[in-house]
Amino acid sequence: MAKTYEEMDAIAMLKADHRKVEDIFEQFEKATSADKKQALAEQACLELKVHTIIEEEIFYPACRGLIEDDLLNESYVEHDAAKTLINEIEAGGPDEAFYDAKVKVLSEMIEHHVEEEEQYVEGMFAQAREAGLDMDDLAARMRARKESAMAELQGHPEIPAETRTFQGDDVESALADAPLDGGQPSVEADAR
């Protein structure tokens, strides 16, 4: 029997979020009305904004120093590139030139990012598991932050997704080795 979102560990939660956004993008591709496309694009953007918040504030910092730095740094930059498109999509509408193209490119960017995170042996999630992070503790903190982020952002597309790695950004927040929620990364006892 499949676990509910409340029962999932951190990686299962993130994968569930990935599947949800993939489904929204598939629905967008099939949609024919401008209103439906806009609603789906806005839903995808909201889900992605919240997802990047929980990854960047909790999961990624917990991984810092325990997984490949290059992989983690690329993930932050990929998030920021996606956030730039998210902000463009939310500021526009389906009647504008390149709207559908922006949503399609965002979908492709997310697909690539997800593949790197979920790669079986070398991906971020596999490395995080191997490092012995306490996935249940991370999940509890991520669930709480997801709830608060959703409450903050839902119905407010005017709140832009904030980048962390571009010129002028606070890059230190992307290099932090402690979750931004104040919690410390938990490493389970190494039983190996």
N, C-alpha and C. Protein backbone atom coordinates (compact mmCIF):
# COMPACT_ATOMS: atom_id res chain seq x y z
N MET A 1 0.84 -1.18 0.00
CA MET A 1 0.00 0.00 0.00
C MET A 1 0.89 1.25 0.00
N ALA A 2 0.54 2.19 -0.84
CA ALA A 2 1.32 3.42 -0.96
C ALA A 2 1.19 4.27 0.29
N LYS A 3 2.29 4.91 0.64
CA LYS A 3 2.29 5.79 1.81
C LYS A 3 1.62 7.12 1.46
N THR A 4 1.00 7.71 2.46
CA THR A 4 0.45 9.04 2.27
C THR A 4 1.59 10.05 2.36
N TYR A 5 1.33 11.27 1.91
CA TYR A 5 2.34 12.31 1.94
C TYR A 5 2.85 12.52 3.37
N GLU A 6 1.97 12.39 4.34
CA GLU A 6 2.34 12.57 5.76
C GLU A 6 3.24 11.45 6.27
N GLU A 7 3.22 10.29 5.62
CA GLU A 7 4.03 9.15 6.05
C GLU A 7 5.36 9.04 5.30
N MET A 8 5.51 9.80 4.23
CA MET A 8 6.70 9.69 3.39
C MET A 8 7.93 10.29 4.06
N ASP A 9 9.10 9.75 3.71
CA ASP A 9 10.34 10.38 4.14
C ASP A 9 10.66 11.51 3.17
N ALA A 10 11.74 12.23 3.41
CA ALA A 10 12.07 13.43 2.63
C ALA A 10 12.18 13.14 1.13
N ILE A 11 12.89 12.09 0.78
CA ILE A 11 13.09 11.81 -0.64
C ILE A 11 11.78 11.37 -1.30
N ALA A 12 11.00 10.57 -0.64
CA ALA A 12 9.71 10.17 -1.20
C ALA A 12 8.81 11.39 -1.40
N MET A 13 8.86 12.33 -0.46
CA MET A 13 8.07 13.56 -0.60
C MET A 13 8.50 14.35 -1.83
N LEU A 14 9.81 14.52 -1.99
CA LEU A 14 10.31 15.29 -3.13
C LEU A 14 9.96 14.60 -4.44
N LYS A 15 10.06 13.27 -4.47
CA LYS A 15 9.67 12.53 -5.68
C LYS A 15 8.18 12.67 -5.95
N ALA A 16 7.35 12.66 -4.91
CA ALA A 16 5.91 12.85 -5.09
C ALA A 16 5.62 14.23 -5.67
N ASP A 17 6.35 15.24 -5.20
CA ASP A 17 6.20 16.58 -5.76
C ASP A 17 6.59 16.59 -7.24
N HIS A 18 7.68 15.88 -7.58
CA HIS A 18 8.12 15.80 -8.98
C HIS A 18 7.02 15.21 -9.86
N ARG A 19 6.42 14.10 -9.39
CA ARG A 19 5.37 13.46 -10.19
C ARG A 19 4.17 14.39 -10.36
N LYS A 20 3.83 15.14 -9.33
CA LYS A 20 2.69 16.06 -9.40
C LYS A 20 2.93 17.13 -10.45
N VAL A 21 4.12 17.72 -10.46
CA VAL A 21 4.42 18.77 -11.43
C VAL A 21 4.49 18.19 -12.84
N GLU A 22 5.05 17.01 -12.99
CA GLU A 22 5.08 16.36 -14.30
C GLU A 22 3.67 16.19 -14.84
N ASP A 23 2.74 15.79 -13.98
CA ASP A 23 1.35 15.62 -14.37
C ASP A 23 0.72 16.94 -14.80
N ILE A 24 1.01 18.00 -14.07
CA ILE A 24 0.47 19.32 -14.43
C ILE A 24 0.99 19.74 -15.81
N PHE A 25 2.27 19.54 -16.07
CA PHE A 25 2.83 19.89 -17.38
C PHE A 25 2.19 19.05 -18.49
N GLU A 26 1.92 17.76 -18.23
CA GLU A 26 1.24 16.93 -19.23
C GLU A 26 -0.15 17.46 -19.52
N GLN A 27 -0.86 17.87 -18.47
CA GLN A 27 -2.19 18.45 -18.66
C GLN A 27 -2.12 19.74 -19.48
N PHE A 28 -1.09 20.55 -19.21
CA PHE A 28 -0.91 21.80 -19.96
C PHE A 28 -0.75 21.50 -21.45
N GLU A 29 0.05 20.49 -21.77
CA GLU A 29 0.29 20.12 -23.18
C GLU A 29 -1.01 19.74 -23.89
N LYS A 30 -1.94 19.14 -23.16
CA LYS A 30 -3.20 18.67 -23.75
C LYS A 30 -4.28 19.75 -23.75
N ALA A 31 -4.12 20.78 -22.93
CA ALA A 31 -5.15 21.81 -22.80
C ALA A 31 -5.28 22.61 -24.10
N THR A 32 -6.51 23.02 -24.37
CA THR A 32 -6.76 23.79 -25.59
C THR A 32 -7.22 25.21 -25.30
N SER A 33 -7.86 25.44 -24.18
CA SER A 33 -8.34 26.79 -23.90
C SER A 33 -7.27 27.61 -23.18
N ALA A 34 -7.26 28.89 -23.46
CA ALA A 34 -6.30 29.79 -22.84
C ALA A 34 -6.47 29.82 -21.33
N ASP A 35 -7.72 29.83 -20.87
CA ASP A 35 -7.97 29.86 -19.42
C ASP A 35 -7.42 28.62 -18.73
N LYS A 36 -7.65 27.46 -19.32
CA LYS A 36 -7.16 26.21 -18.75
C LYS A 36 -5.63 26.20 -18.72
N LYS A 37 -5.01 26.64 -19.82
CA LYS A 37 -3.55 26.69 -19.88
C LYS A 37 -3.00 27.61 -18.80
N GLN A 38 -3.62 28.78 -18.64
CA GLN A 38 -3.13 29.71 -17.63
C GLN A 38 -3.28 29.13 -16.23
N ALA A 39 -4.42 28.50 -15.95
CA ALA A 39 -4.63 27.89 -14.63
C ALA A 39 -3.59 26.81 -14.35
N LEU A 40 -3.31 25.98 -15.34
CA LEU A 40 -2.32 24.92 -15.17
C LEU A 40 -0.91 25.48 -15.02
N ALA A 41 -0.58 26.48 -15.82
CA ALA A 41 0.75 27.10 -15.72
C ALA A 41 0.93 27.74 -14.34
N GLU A 42 -0.10 28.42 -13.86
CA GLU A 42 -0.02 29.04 -12.53
C GLU A 42 0.11 27.98 -11.44
N GLN A 43 -0.60 26.86 -11.60
CA GLN A 43 -0.51 25.77 -10.62
C GLN A 43 0.90 25.18 -10.61
N ALA A 44 1.46 24.96 -11.80
CA ALA A 44 2.83 24.42 -11.89
C ALA A 44 3.82 25.39 -11.25
N CYS A 45 3.67 26.67 -11.53
CA CYS A 45 4.58 27.67 -10.97
C CYS A 45 4.49 27.70 -9.45
N LEU A 46 3.29 27.65 -8.91
CA LEU A 46 3.13 27.63 -7.45
C LEU A 46 3.78 26.40 -6.86
N GLU A 47 3.50 25.24 -7.41
CA GLU A 47 4.09 24.00 -6.90
C GLU A 47 5.62 24.05 -6.96
N LEU A 48 6.16 24.59 -8.04
CA LEU A 48 7.61 24.66 -8.18
C LEU A 48 8.22 25.68 -7.21
N LYS A 49 7.55 26.79 -7.00
CA LYS A 49 8.07 27.78 -6.05
C LYS A 49 8.14 27.18 -4.64
N VAL A 50 7.09 26.49 -4.25
CA VAL A 50 7.06 25.87 -2.92
C VAL A 50 8.10 24.75 -2.83
N HIS A 51 8.20 23.96 -3.88
CA HIS A 51 9.17 22.86 -3.91
C HIS A 51 10.60 23.38 -3.77
N THR A 52 10.92 24.45 -4.50
CA THR A 52 12.28 24.99 -4.40
C THR A 52 12.54 25.56 -3.02
N ILE A 53 11.53 26.09 -2.38
CA ILE A 53 11.70 26.61 -1.02
C ILE A 53 12.09 25.49 -0.07
N ILE A 54 11.37 24.37 -0.10
CA ILE A 54 11.69 23.31 0.86
C ILE A 54 13.03 22.65 0.54
N GLU A 55 13.36 22.56 -0.74
CA GLU A 55 14.67 22.00 -1.08
C GLU A 55 15.78 22.94 -0.66
N GLU A 56 15.65 24.22 -0.97
CA GLU A 56 16.73 25.17 -0.73
C GLU A 56 16.87 25.57 0.74
N GLU A 57 15.79 25.57 1.47
CA GLU A 57 15.86 25.97 2.87
C GLU A 57 16.17 24.80 3.81
N ILE A 58 15.82 23.58 3.40
CA ILE A 58 15.96 22.45 4.31
C ILE A 58 16.81 21.32 3.71
N PHE A 59 16.39 20.78 2.57
CA PHE A 59 17.05 19.58 2.05
C PHE A 59 18.47 19.85 1.56
N TYR A 60 18.65 20.83 0.68
CA TYR A 60 19.98 21.09 0.14
C TYR A 60 21.00 21.44 1.22
N PRO A 61 20.68 22.35 2.15
CA PRO A 61 21.67 22.65 3.19
C PRO A 61 22.04 21.42 4.02
N ALA A 62 21.08 20.53 4.24
CA ALA A 62 21.38 19.31 4.99
C ALA A 62 22.34 18.41 4.22
N CYS A 63 22.33 18.53 2.91
CA CYS A 63 23.21 17.72 2.06
C CYS A 63 24.60 18.32 1.90
N ARG A 64 24.73 19.61 2.16
CA ARG A 64 26.01 20.30 1.92
C ARG A 64 27.12 19.63 2.72
N GLY A 65 28.20 19.29 2.03
CA GLY A 65 29.35 18.64 2.65
C GLY A 65 29.23 17.13 2.73
N LEU A 66 28.04 16.61 2.40
CA LEU A 66 27.82 15.16 2.47
C LEU A 66 27.63 14.53 1.09
N ILE A 67 27.33 15.36 0.10
CA ILE A 67 27.21 14.88 -1.27
C ILE A 67 28.13 15.74 -2.14
N GLU A 68 28.24 15.41 -3.41
CA GLU A 68 29.12 16.15 -4.32
C GLU A 68 28.71 17.62 -4.38
N ASP A 69 29.65 18.51 -4.08
CA ASP A 69 29.38 19.95 -4.12
C ASP A 69 28.94 20.41 -5.51
N ASP A 70 29.57 19.88 -6.56
CA ASP A 70 29.21 20.30 -7.92
C ASP A 70 27.75 20.00 -8.21
N LEU A 71 27.28 18.84 -7.82
CA LEU A 71 25.89 18.46 -8.04
C LEU A 71 24.94 19.39 -7.30
N LEU A 72 25.28 19.71 -6.06
CA LEU A 72 24.46 20.60 -5.25
C LEU A 72 24.46 22.02 -5.84
N ASN A 73 25.63 22.51 -6.22
CA ASN A 73 25.71 23.85 -6.80
C ASN A 73 24.94 23.95 -8.10
N GLU A 74 25.03 22.92 -8.94
CA GLU A 74 24.27 22.91 -10.19
C GLU A 74 22.77 22.94 -9.90
N SER A 75 22.34 22.26 -8.86
CA SER A 75 20.92 22.24 -8.53
C SER A 75 20.41 23.63 -8.17
N TYR A 76 21.19 24.38 -7.39
CA TYR A 76 20.80 25.75 -7.07
C TYR A 76 20.69 26.61 -8.34
N VAL A 77 21.67 26.48 -9.22
CA VAL A 77 21.66 27.29 -10.45
C VAL A 77 20.49 26.87 -11.35
N GLU A 78 20.23 25.57 -11.44
CA GLU A 78 19.08 25.11 -12.22
C GLU A 78 17.78 25.65 -11.63
N HIS A 79 17.66 25.66 -10.32
CA HIS A 79 16.49 26.26 -9.68
C HIS A 79 16.35 27.72 -10.09
N ASP A 80 17.46 28.45 -10.04
CA ASP A 80 17.39 29.88 -10.34
C ASP A 80 17.00 30.15 -11.79
N ALA A 81 17.49 29.34 -12.71
CA ALA A 81 17.10 29.49 -14.11
C ALA A 81 15.60 29.21 -14.25
N ALA A 82 15.11 28.19 -13.56
CA ALA A 82 13.67 27.89 -13.59
C ALA A 82 12.87 29.02 -12.96
N LYS A 83 13.36 29.57 -11.86
CA LYS A 83 12.64 30.66 -11.18
C LYS A 83 12.50 31.88 -12.09
N THR A 84 13.51 32.14 -12.91
CA THR A 84 13.43 33.26 -13.85
C THR A 84 12.27 33.04 -14.82
N LEU A 85 12.15 31.83 -15.33
CA LEU A 85 11.03 31.51 -16.22
C LEU A 85 9.70 31.54 -15.47
N ILE A 86 9.68 31.02 -14.25
CA ILE A 86 8.46 31.04 -13.44
C ILE A 86 7.96 32.48 -13.29
N ASN A 87 8.87 33.39 -12.96
CA ASN A 87 8.48 34.79 -12.80
C ASN A 87 7.96 35.39 -14.09
N GLU A 88 8.57 35.02 -15.23
CA GLU A 88 8.10 35.49 -16.54
C GLU A 88 6.69 34.95 -16.83
N ILE A 89 6.49 33.67 -16.57
CA ILE A 89 5.19 33.05 -16.84
C ILE A 89 4.11 33.67 -15.96
N GLU A 90 4.42 33.86 -14.68
CA GLU A 90 3.42 34.43 -13.77
C GLU A 90 3.11 35.89 -14.09
N ALA A 91 4.06 36.60 -14.67
CA ALA A 91 3.84 38.00 -15.02
C ALA A 91 3.09 38.15 -16.34
N GLY A 92 3.03 37.07 -17.09
CA GLY A 92 2.40 37.12 -18.41
C GLY A 92 1.07 36.42 -18.44
N GLY A 93 0.69 36.03 -19.62
CA GLY A 93 -0.56 35.32 -19.82
C GLY A 93 -0.55 34.61 -21.15
N PRO A 94 -1.51 33.72 -21.36
CA PRO A 94 -1.51 32.88 -22.56
C PRO A 94 -1.70 33.65 -23.87
N ASP A 95 -2.10 34.91 -23.79
CA ASP A 95 -2.27 35.71 -25.00
C ASP A 95 -0.95 36.37 -25.45
N GLU A 96 0.08 36.24 -24.64
CA GLU A 96 1.37 36.85 -24.96
C GLU A 96 2.22 35.92 -25.82
N ALA A 97 3.07 36.54 -26.63
CA ALA A 97 4.00 35.77 -27.45
C ALA A 97 4.92 34.96 -26.55
N PHE A 98 5.21 33.77 -26.92
CA PHE A 98 6.15 32.87 -26.26
C PHE A 98 5.65 32.29 -24.93
N TYR A 99 4.39 32.52 -24.57
CA TYR A 99 3.88 32.00 -23.30
C TYR A 99 3.97 30.47 -23.27
N ASP A 100 3.39 29.83 -24.28
CA ASP A 100 3.43 28.37 -24.33
C ASP A 100 4.87 27.86 -24.41
N ALA A 101 5.71 28.57 -25.15
CA ALA A 101 7.11 28.17 -25.29
C ALA A 101 7.82 28.25 -23.94
N LYS A 102 7.52 29.28 -23.16
CA LYS A 102 8.15 29.43 -21.84
C LYS A 102 7.73 28.28 -20.91
N VAL A 103 6.45 27.92 -20.96
CA VAL A 103 5.98 26.81 -20.13
C VAL A 103 6.64 25.51 -20.58
N LYS A 104 6.76 25.31 -21.89
CA LYS A 104 7.39 24.10 -22.42
C LYS A 104 8.86 24.03 -22.01
N VAL A 105 9.58 25.12 -22.12
CA VAL A 105 10.99 25.14 -21.74
C VAL A 105 11.14 24.92 -20.23
N LEU A 106 10.26 25.51 -19.44
CA LEU A 106 10.27 25.27 -17.99
C LEU A 106 10.07 23.79 -17.72
N SER A 107 9.13 23.18 -18.39
CA SER A 107 8.87 21.75 -18.24
C SER A 107 10.12 20.93 -18.56
N GLU A 108 10.79 21.27 -19.63
CA GLU A 108 12.01 20.55 -20.03
C GLU A 108 13.14 20.76 -19.03
N MET A 109 13.26 21.98 -18.51
CA MET A 109 14.29 22.26 -17.50
C MET A 109 14.05 21.43 -16.25
N ILE A 110 12.80 21.37 -15.84
CA ILE A 110 12.45 20.62 -14.63
C ILE A 110 12.67 19.13 -14.87
N GLU A 111 12.34 18.65 -16.05
CA GLU A 111 12.57 17.24 -16.37
C GLU A 111 14.05 16.89 -16.24
N HIS A 112 14.93 17.74 -16.76
CA HIS A 112 16.37 17.51 -16.66
C HIS A 112 16.81 17.55 -15.19
N HIS A 113 16.34 18.51 -14.46
CA HIS A 113 16.70 18.67 -13.04
C HIS A 113 16.27 17.44 -12.23
N VAL A 114 15.07 16.98 -12.46
CA VAL A 114 14.54 15.81 -11.76
C VAL A 114 15.38 14.58 -12.07
N GLU A 115 15.76 14.41 -13.33
CA GLU A 115 16.59 13.27 -13.70
C GLU A 115 17.90 13.27 -12.91
N GLU A 116 18.51 14.44 -12.75
CA GLU A 116 19.76 14.51 -12.01
C GLU A 116 19.55 14.22 -10.52
N GLU A 117 18.46 14.70 -9.96
CA GLU A 117 18.21 14.44 -8.55
C GLU A 117 17.90 12.97 -8.30
N GLU A 118 17.14 12.35 -9.21
CA GLU A 118 16.65 11.00 -8.98
C GLU A 118 17.52 9.91 -9.59
N GLN A 119 18.60 10.26 -10.23
CA GLN A 119 19.47 9.26 -10.84
C GLN A 119 19.81 8.19 -9.82
N TYR A 120 19.71 6.93 -10.23
CA TYR A 120 19.74 5.79 -9.32
C TYR A 120 20.96 5.73 -8.41
N VAL A 121 22.17 5.85 -8.92
CA VAL A 121 23.36 5.67 -8.09
C VAL A 121 24.05 7.01 -7.80
N GLU A 122 24.19 7.83 -8.82
CA GLU A 122 24.97 9.05 -8.68
C GLU A 122 24.14 10.29 -8.38
N GLY A 123 22.83 10.18 -8.39
CA GLY A 123 21.98 11.35 -8.20
C GLY A 123 22.03 11.88 -6.77
N MET A 124 21.50 13.07 -6.62
CA MET A 124 21.50 13.72 -5.32
C MET A 124 20.78 12.88 -4.26
N PHE A 125 19.63 12.34 -4.61
CA PHE A 125 18.86 11.58 -3.61
C PHE A 125 19.62 10.32 -3.19
N ALA A 126 20.24 9.64 -4.13
CA ALA A 126 21.00 8.44 -3.80
C ALA A 126 22.18 8.79 -2.90
N GLN A 127 22.86 9.89 -3.21
CA GLN A 127 23.98 10.31 -2.40
C GLN A 127 23.52 10.72 -0.99
N ALA A 128 22.38 11.39 -0.90
CA ALA A 128 21.86 11.81 0.41
C ALA A 128 21.52 10.58 1.26
N ARG A 129 20.91 9.58 0.66
CA ARG A 129 20.61 8.35 1.40
C ARG A 129 21.90 7.69 1.87
N GLU A 130 22.86 7.60 0.97
CA GLU A 130 24.15 6.97 1.29
C GLU A 130 24.85 7.71 2.42
N ALA A 131 24.67 9.02 2.49
CA ALA A 131 25.32 9.83 3.54
C ALA A 131 24.68 9.61 4.91
N GLY A 132 23.51 8.98 4.93
CA GLY A 132 22.88 8.67 6.21
C GLY A 132 22.06 9.80 6.81
N LEU A 133 21.60 10.73 5.99
CA LEU A 133 20.75 11.81 6.51
C LEU A 133 19.47 11.22 7.11
N ASP A 134 18.99 11.85 8.15
CA ASP A 134 17.75 11.42 8.80
C ASP A 134 16.57 11.92 7.96
N MET A 135 16.12 11.07 7.06
CA MET A 135 15.08 11.45 6.10
C MET A 135 13.73 11.71 6.75
N ASP A 136 13.46 11.08 7.89
CA ASP A 136 12.20 11.32 8.57
C ASP A 136 12.19 12.69 9.25
N ASP A 137 13.30 13.06 9.87
CA ASP A 137 13.41 14.38 10.48
C ASP A 137 13.31 15.47 9.41
N LEU A 138 14.03 15.28 8.31
CA LEU A 138 13.96 16.25 7.22
C LEU A 138 12.54 16.36 6.68
N ALA A 139 11.86 15.22 6.55
CA ALA A 139 10.49 15.22 6.03
C ALA A 139 9.57 16.01 6.93
N ALA A 140 9.69 15.85 8.22
CA ALA A 140 8.82 16.59 9.16
C ALA A 140 9.03 18.09 9.00
N ARG A 141 10.27 18.50 8.90
CA ARG A 141 10.55 19.94 8.74
C ARG A 141 10.10 20.44 7.37
N MET A 142 10.29 19.61 6.35
CA MET A 142 9.88 20.01 5.01
C MET A 142 8.36 20.12 4.90
N ARG A 143 7.64 19.19 5.53
CA ARG A 143 6.17 19.26 5.50
C ARG A 143 5.68 20.56 6.15
N ALA A 144 6.26 20.90 7.29
CA ALA A 144 5.85 22.13 7.98
C ALA A 144 6.16 23.36 7.12
N ARG A 145 7.33 23.38 6.51
CA ARG A 145 7.70 24.54 5.69
C ARG A 145 6.87 24.60 4.42
N LYS A 146 6.56 23.44 3.86
CA LYS A 146 5.72 23.42 2.66
C LYS A 146 4.35 24.02 2.96
N GLU A 147 3.80 23.65 4.10
CA GLU A 147 2.49 24.18 4.49
C GLU A 147 2.53 25.70 4.63
N SER A 148 3.57 26.21 5.30
CA SER A 148 3.64 27.66 5.49
C SER A 148 3.94 28.39 4.17
N ALA A 149 4.79 27.81 3.32
CA ALA A 149 5.09 28.43 2.03
C ALA A 149 3.86 28.45 1.14
N MET A 150 3.10 27.37 1.16
CA MET A 150 1.88 27.31 0.35
C MET A 150 0.90 28.38 0.81
N ALA A 151 0.77 28.54 2.11
CA ALA A 151 -0.13 29.56 2.66
C ALA A 151 0.33 30.96 2.26
N GLU A 152 1.63 31.19 2.24
CA GLU A 152 2.18 32.50 1.87
C GLU A 152 1.97 32.81 0.39
N LEU A 153 2.14 31.80 -0.47
CA LEU A 153 2.19 32.04 -1.91
C LEU A 153 0.88 31.80 -2.65
N GLN A 154 0.03 30.94 -2.13
CA GLN A 154 -1.19 30.57 -2.84
C GLN A 154 -2.06 31.81 -3.07
N GLY A 155 -2.42 32.02 -4.31
CA GLY A 155 -3.24 33.18 -4.66
C GLY A 155 -2.45 34.47 -4.76
N HIS A 156 -1.12 34.37 -4.70
CA HIS A 156 -0.27 35.56 -4.78
C HIS A 156 0.84 35.38 -5.82
N PRO A 157 0.48 35.26 -7.11
CA PRO A 157 1.51 35.09 -8.13
C PRO A 157 2.40 36.32 -8.28
N GLU A 158 2.00 37.41 -7.66
CA GLU A 158 2.83 38.62 -7.73
C GLU A 158 4.08 38.52 -6.86
N ILE A 159 4.11 37.53 -5.96
CA ILE A 159 5.30 37.31 -5.13
C ILE A 159 6.28 36.51 -5.98
N PRO A 160 7.39 37.13 -6.39
CA PRO A 160 8.31 36.42 -7.29
C PRO A 160 9.12 35.34 -6.59
N ALA A 161 9.54 34.38 -7.36
CA ALA A 161 10.49 33.37 -6.87
C ALA A 161 11.84 34.06 -6.80
N GLU A 162 12.51 33.93 -5.67
CA GLU A 162 13.78 34.62 -5.47
C GLU A 162 14.95 33.71 -5.82
N THR A 163 15.87 34.26 -6.60
CA THR A 163 17.07 33.50 -6.96
C THR A 163 18.12 33.64 -5.87
N ARG A 164 19.09 32.72 -5.87
CA ARG A 164 20.14 32.70 -4.86
C ARG A 164 21.55 32.73 -5.44
N THR A 165 21.70 32.45 -6.74
CA THR A 165 23.04 32.26 -7.30
C THR A 165 23.41 33.26 -8.38
N PHE A 166 22.50 34.13 -8.77
CA PHE A 166 22.79 35.07 -9.84
C PHE A 166 23.48 36.31 -9.28
N GLN A 167 24.06 37.09 -10.18
CA GLN A 167 24.78 38.29 -9.77
C GLN A 167 23.85 39.17 -8.93
N GLY A 168 24.35 39.60 -7.79
CA GLY A 168 23.57 40.44 -6.89
C GLY A 168 22.78 39.66 -5.85
N ASP A 169 22.74 38.34 -5.97
CA ASP A 169 22.03 37.51 -5.01
C ASP A 169 22.87 37.27 -3.76
N ASP A 170 22.21 36.82 -2.72
CA ASP A 170 22.89 36.42 -1.48
C ASP A 170 23.37 34.99 -1.64
N VAL A 171 24.52 34.81 -2.33
CA VAL A 171 25.02 33.47 -2.62
C VAL A 171 25.33 32.68 -1.37
N GLU A 172 25.58 33.35 -0.28
CA GLU A 172 25.89 32.64 0.97
C GLU A 172 24.74 31.73 1.39
N SER A 173 23.49 32.11 1.07
CA SER A 173 22.36 31.26 1.44
C SER A 173 22.39 29.94 0.68
N ALA A 174 22.99 29.94 -0.50
CA ALA A 174 23.10 28.70 -1.27
C ALA A 174 24.32 27.87 -0.85
N LEU A 175 25.21 28.48 -0.11
CA LEU A 175 26.41 27.77 0.33
C LEU A 175 26.30 27.33 1.78
N ALA A 176 25.19 27.64 2.43
CA ALA A 176 25.02 27.31 3.84
C ALA A 176 25.06 25.81 4.06
N ASP A 177 25.62 25.42 5.20
CA ASP A 177 25.66 24.00 5.51
C ASP A 177 24.73 23.66 6.67
N ALA A 178 23.78 24.53 6.93
CA ALA A 178 22.75 24.26 7.92
C ALA A 178 21.42 24.73 7.34
N PRO A 179 20.37 23.97 7.53
CA PRO A 179 19.07 24.37 7.01
C PRO A 179 18.68 25.77 7.48
N LEU A 180 18.04 26.51 6.59
CA LEU A 180 17.66 27.88 6.90
C LEU A 180 16.53 27.96 7.91
N ASP A 181 15.91 26.81 8.21
CA ASP A 181 14.82 26.82 9.19
C ASP A 181 15.36 26.73 10.62
N GLY A 182 16.67 26.80 10.77
CA GLY A 182 17.28 26.76 12.10
C GLY A 182 17.63 25.37 12.57
N GLY A 183 17.09 24.35 11.93
CA GLY A 183 17.41 22.98 12.32
C GLY A 183 18.77 22.58 11.80
N GLN A 184 19.40 21.67 12.46
CA GLN A 184 20.69 21.17 12.02
C GLN A 184 20.48 19.89 11.24
N PRO A 185 21.32 19.64 10.24
CA PRO A 185 21.20 18.39 9.53
C PRO A 185 21.43 17.22 10.49
N SER A 186 20.59 16.23 10.36
CA SER A 186 20.71 15.06 11.23
C SER A 186 21.32 13.92 10.45
N VAL A 187 22.35 13.33 10.99
CA VAL A 187 22.97 12.18 10.34
C VAL A 187 22.76 10.99 11.27
N GLU A 188 22.19 9.93 10.68
CA GLU A 188 21.96 8.73 11.48
C GLU A 188 23.29 8.08 11.78
N ALA A 189 23.34 7.33 12.83
CA ALA A 189 24.57 6.63 13.19
C ALA A 189 24.99 5.73 12.04
N ASP A 190 26.27 5.75 11.73
CA ASP A 190 26.79 4.97 10.62
C ASP A 190 26.89 3.51 11.06
N ALA A 191 26.01 2.69 10.55
CA ALA A 191 25.96 1.28 10.94
C ALA A 191 26.84 0.42 10.03
N ARG A 192 27.52 1.06 9.09
CA ARG A 192 28.34 0.28 8.17
C ARG A 192 29.63 -0.15 8.79
